[in-house]
Amino acid sequence: MTTAETKHTSHSSNALDEAAQRALDYYLKPKPVDESPSGQLFVVAPDIDTETLLANASEDLLSISAIAADLPTMSTVHGAA
């Protein structure tokens, strides 16, 4: 092959690779989800199962309970009684 043929083949190969990549991206990449405002304060990830959500809620409630139980102690320690 001559240098000109090599450059032409290389350019042609690159163009084909780019076209193939665009085609694969078009058909295989997921479409972006429309992120319109819903008015919700929190949004749960759609792939989270119920058991995980309940476990997280339980842990949150335990943390809140512990903080609430410590509030009287914290106010006397800091002289705000």
N, C-alpha and C. Protein backbone atom coordinates (compact mmCIF):
# COMPACT_ATOMS: atom_id res chain seq x y z
N MET A 1 0.83 -1.18 0.00
CA MET A 1 0.00 0.00 0.00
C MET A 1 0.87 1.24 0.00
N THR A 2 0.44 2.23 -0.72
CA THR A 2 1.17 3.50 -0.72
C THR A 2 0.71 4.32 0.47
N THR A 3 1.43 5.40 0.73
CA THR A 3 1.09 6.27 1.84
C THR A 3 -0.29 6.88 1.64
N ALA A 4 -0.62 7.28 0.42
CA ALA A 4 -1.93 7.86 0.14
C ALA A 4 -3.04 6.85 0.39
N GLU A 5 -2.81 5.59 -0.01
CA GLU A 5 -3.81 4.55 0.22
C GLU A 5 -3.98 4.28 1.72
N THR A 6 -2.89 4.31 2.44
CA THR A 6 -2.94 4.07 3.89
C THR A 6 -3.73 5.17 4.57
N LYS A 7 -3.48 6.45 4.19
CA LYS A 7 -4.22 7.57 4.77
C LYS A 7 -5.70 7.46 4.45
N HIS A 8 -6.03 7.11 3.20
CA HIS A 8 -7.42 6.98 2.79
C HIS A 8 -8.10 5.86 3.58
N THR A 9 -7.42 4.73 3.70
CA THR A 9 -7.97 3.59 4.43
C THR A 9 -8.14 3.93 5.91
N SER A 10 -7.15 4.63 6.48
CA SER A 10 -7.21 5.02 7.88
C SER A 10 -8.37 5.98 8.11
N HIS A 11 -8.52 6.98 7.22
CA HIS A 11 -9.62 7.94 7.34
C HIS A 11 -10.96 7.24 7.19
N SER A 12 -11.04 6.35 6.22
CA SER A 12 -12.27 5.61 5.97
C SER A 12 -12.61 4.72 7.17
N SER A 13 -11.60 4.09 7.74
CA SER A 13 -11.79 3.23 8.90
C SER A 13 -12.28 4.05 10.10
N ASN A 14 -11.68 5.23 10.32
CA ASN A 14 -12.10 6.10 11.41
C ASN A 14 -13.54 6.55 11.22
N ALA A 15 -13.89 6.92 9.99
CA ALA A 15 -15.25 7.36 9.71
C ALA A 15 -16.24 6.23 9.97
N LEU A 16 -15.89 5.01 9.58
CA LEU A 16 -16.77 3.87 9.83
C LEU A 16 -16.89 3.58 11.32
N ASP A 17 -15.78 3.68 12.03
CA ASP A 17 -15.82 3.47 13.49
C ASP A 17 -16.72 4.49 14.17
N GLU A 18 -16.60 5.75 13.76
CA GLU A 18 -17.42 6.81 14.35
C GLU A 18 -18.89 6.60 14.02
N ALA A 19 -19.19 6.23 12.78
CA ALA A 19 -20.57 5.97 12.39
C ALA A 19 -21.15 4.79 13.17
N ALA A 20 -20.35 3.75 13.34
CA ALA A 20 -20.81 2.59 14.10
C ALA A 20 -21.07 2.97 15.55
N GLN A 21 -20.20 3.78 16.13
CA GLN A 21 -20.38 4.20 17.52
C GLN A 21 -21.65 5.04 17.67
N ARG A 22 -21.91 5.95 16.72
CA ARG A 22 -23.13 6.75 16.78
C ARG A 22 -24.36 5.86 16.69
N ALA A 23 -24.32 4.87 15.81
CA ALA A 23 -25.46 3.96 15.65
C ALA A 23 -25.69 3.15 16.94
N LEU A 24 -24.61 2.65 17.52
CA LEU A 24 -24.74 1.90 18.77
C LEU A 24 -25.28 2.78 19.89
N ASP A 25 -24.76 4.00 20.00
CA ASP A 25 -25.24 4.92 21.02
C ASP A 25 -26.72 5.22 20.83
N TYR A 26 -27.14 5.41 19.58
CA TYR A 26 -28.53 5.75 19.29
C TYR A 26 -29.46 4.62 19.74
N TYR A 27 -29.08 3.39 19.46
CA TYR A 27 -29.97 2.27 19.75
C TYR A 27 -29.79 1.66 21.14
N LEU A 28 -28.61 1.78 21.74
CA LEU A 28 -28.36 1.08 22.99
C LEU A 28 -28.28 1.96 24.23
N LYS A 29 -27.96 3.23 24.07
CA LYS A 29 -27.89 4.10 25.25
C LYS A 29 -29.32 4.44 25.69
N PRO A 30 -29.57 4.43 26.99
CA PRO A 30 -30.91 4.78 27.45
C PRO A 30 -31.21 6.24 27.17
N LYS A 31 -32.45 6.50 26.87
CA LYS A 31 -32.89 7.87 26.60
C LYS A 31 -32.91 8.64 27.92
N PRO A 32 -32.54 9.92 27.90
CA PRO A 32 -32.58 10.71 29.14
C PRO A 32 -34.02 10.85 29.63
N VAL A 33 -34.19 10.76 30.94
CA VAL A 33 -35.51 10.87 31.54
C VAL A 33 -35.86 12.35 31.65
N ASP A 34 -37.09 12.68 31.32
CA ASP A 34 -37.55 14.06 31.42
C ASP A 34 -37.64 14.42 32.90
N GLU A 35 -36.84 15.36 33.32
CA GLU A 35 -36.77 15.76 34.72
C GLU A 35 -37.64 16.99 34.97
N SER A 36 -38.92 16.88 34.69
CA SER A 36 -39.81 18.01 34.92
C SER A 36 -40.09 18.13 36.42
N PRO A 37 -40.24 19.35 36.91
CA PRO A 37 -40.48 19.53 38.34
C PRO A 37 -41.81 18.88 38.74
N SER A 38 -41.78 18.12 39.82
CA SER A 38 -42.98 17.40 40.23
C SER A 38 -43.61 18.01 41.47
N GLY A 39 -42.95 18.94 42.11
CA GLY A 39 -43.48 19.53 43.33
C GLY A 39 -43.21 18.68 44.56
N GLN A 40 -42.48 17.58 44.40
CA GLN A 40 -42.17 16.72 45.53
C GLN A 40 -40.89 17.20 46.20
N LEU A 41 -40.86 17.08 47.51
CA LEU A 41 -39.66 17.45 48.25
C LEU A 41 -38.57 16.39 48.11
N PHE A 42 -38.98 15.12 48.16
CA PHE A 42 -38.03 14.01 48.02
C PHE A 42 -38.48 13.09 46.90
N VAL A 43 -37.53 12.51 46.23
CA VAL A 43 -37.82 11.52 45.19
C VAL A 43 -37.00 10.28 45.51
N VAL A 44 -37.67 9.13 45.52
CA VAL A 44 -37.00 7.86 45.82
C VAL A 44 -36.51 7.26 44.52
N ALA A 45 -35.30 6.74 44.54
CA ALA A 45 -34.75 6.08 43.36
C ALA A 45 -35.66 4.92 42.97
N PRO A 46 -36.01 4.81 41.70
CA PRO A 46 -36.98 3.79 41.28
C PRO A 46 -36.50 2.35 41.43
N ASP A 47 -35.21 2.13 41.57
CA ASP A 47 -34.72 0.76 41.67
C ASP A 47 -34.51 0.29 43.12
N ILE A 48 -34.99 1.06 44.10
CA ILE A 48 -34.87 0.69 45.51
C ILE A 48 -36.07 -0.15 45.91
N ASP A 49 -35.81 -1.27 46.59
CA ASP A 49 -36.91 -2.16 46.98
C ASP A 49 -37.51 -1.71 48.31
N THR A 50 -38.71 -2.20 48.61
CA THR A 50 -39.45 -1.80 49.80
C THR A 50 -38.70 -2.14 51.08
N GLU A 51 -38.07 -3.29 51.15
CA GLU A 51 -37.35 -3.69 52.35
C GLU A 51 -36.23 -2.70 52.69
N THR A 52 -35.52 -2.25 51.68
CA THR A 52 -34.45 -1.27 51.90
C THR A 52 -35.01 0.05 52.40
N LEU A 53 -36.13 0.48 51.81
CA LEU A 53 -36.76 1.73 52.25
C LEU A 53 -37.22 1.64 53.70
N LEU A 54 -37.82 0.51 54.07
CA LEU A 54 -38.28 0.33 55.45
C LEU A 54 -37.11 0.28 56.42
N ALA A 55 -36.03 -0.37 56.05
CA ALA A 55 -34.85 -0.43 56.92
C ALA A 55 -34.28 0.97 57.12
N ASN A 56 -34.22 1.75 56.06
CA ASN A 56 -33.70 3.11 56.15
C ASN A 56 -34.60 3.98 57.02
N ALA A 57 -35.91 3.86 56.85
CA ALA A 57 -36.86 4.63 57.66
C ALA A 57 -36.73 4.26 59.13
N SER A 58 -36.55 2.97 59.42
CA SER A 58 -36.39 2.51 60.79
C SER A 58 -35.13 3.11 61.42
N GLU A 59 -34.04 3.10 60.68
CA GLU A 59 -32.79 3.69 61.18
C GLU A 59 -32.94 5.19 61.43
N ASP A 60 -33.65 5.87 60.53
CA ASP A 60 -33.88 7.30 60.70
C ASP A 60 -34.68 7.57 61.97
N LEU A 61 -35.74 6.78 62.19
CA LEU A 61 -36.57 6.96 63.38
C LEU A 61 -35.78 6.69 64.66
N LEU A 62 -34.92 5.68 64.65
CA LEU A 62 -34.08 5.41 65.82
C LEU A 62 -33.13 6.58 66.10
N SER A 63 -32.58 7.16 65.06
CA SER A 63 -31.68 8.31 65.22
C SER A 63 -32.43 9.51 65.79
N ILE A 64 -33.62 9.76 65.27
CA ILE A 64 -34.43 10.88 65.76
C ILE A 64 -34.81 10.66 67.22
N SER A 65 -35.16 9.43 67.55
CA SER A 65 -35.52 9.09 68.93
C SER A 65 -34.34 9.33 69.87
N ALA A 66 -33.15 8.93 69.46
CA ALA A 66 -31.96 9.13 70.29
C ALA A 66 -31.66 10.62 70.47
N ILE A 67 -31.81 11.39 69.42
CA ILE A 67 -31.57 12.84 69.52
C ILE A 67 -32.59 13.47 70.45
N ALA A 68 -33.87 13.08 70.31
CA ALA A 68 -34.92 13.63 71.16
C ALA A 68 -34.68 13.26 72.63
N ALA A 69 -34.20 12.06 72.88
CA ALA A 69 -33.93 11.64 74.26
C ALA A 69 -32.77 12.43 74.86
N ASP A 70 -31.83 12.87 74.04
CA ASP A 70 -30.67 13.62 74.52
C ASP A 70 -30.93 15.11 74.67
N LEU A 71 -32.03 15.62 74.14
CA LEU A 71 -32.28 17.06 74.19
C LEU A 71 -32.29 17.63 75.60
N PRO A 72 -32.99 17.02 76.56
CA PRO A 72 -32.95 17.59 77.92
C PRO A 72 -31.54 17.60 78.51
N THR A 73 -30.77 16.59 78.24
CA THR A 73 -29.40 16.51 78.75
C THR A 73 -28.52 17.57 78.11
N MET A 74 -28.70 17.78 76.83
CA MET A 74 -27.87 18.75 76.11
C MET A 74 -28.16 20.17 76.58
N SER A 75 -29.41 20.49 76.90
CA SER A 75 -29.73 21.85 77.30
C SER A 75 -29.16 22.16 78.68
N THR A 76 -29.10 21.19 79.59
CA THR A 76 -28.52 21.45 80.91
C THR A 76 -27.00 21.51 80.86
N VAL A 77 -26.39 20.75 79.98
CA VAL A 77 -24.93 20.76 79.86
C VAL A 77 -24.45 22.10 79.34
N HIS A 78 -25.18 22.69 78.43
CA HIS A 78 -24.77 23.95 77.82
C HIS A 78 -25.31 25.16 78.57
N GLY A 79 -25.91 24.96 79.74
CA GLY A 79 -26.35 26.06 80.57
C GLY A 79 -27.62 26.74 80.08
N ALA A 80 -28.42 26.06 79.31
CA ALA A 80 -29.64 26.68 78.79
C ALA A 80 -30.87 26.16 79.51
N ALA A 81 -30.76 25.84 80.80
CA ALA A 81 -31.90 25.25 81.50
C ALA A 81 -32.71 26.27 82.21
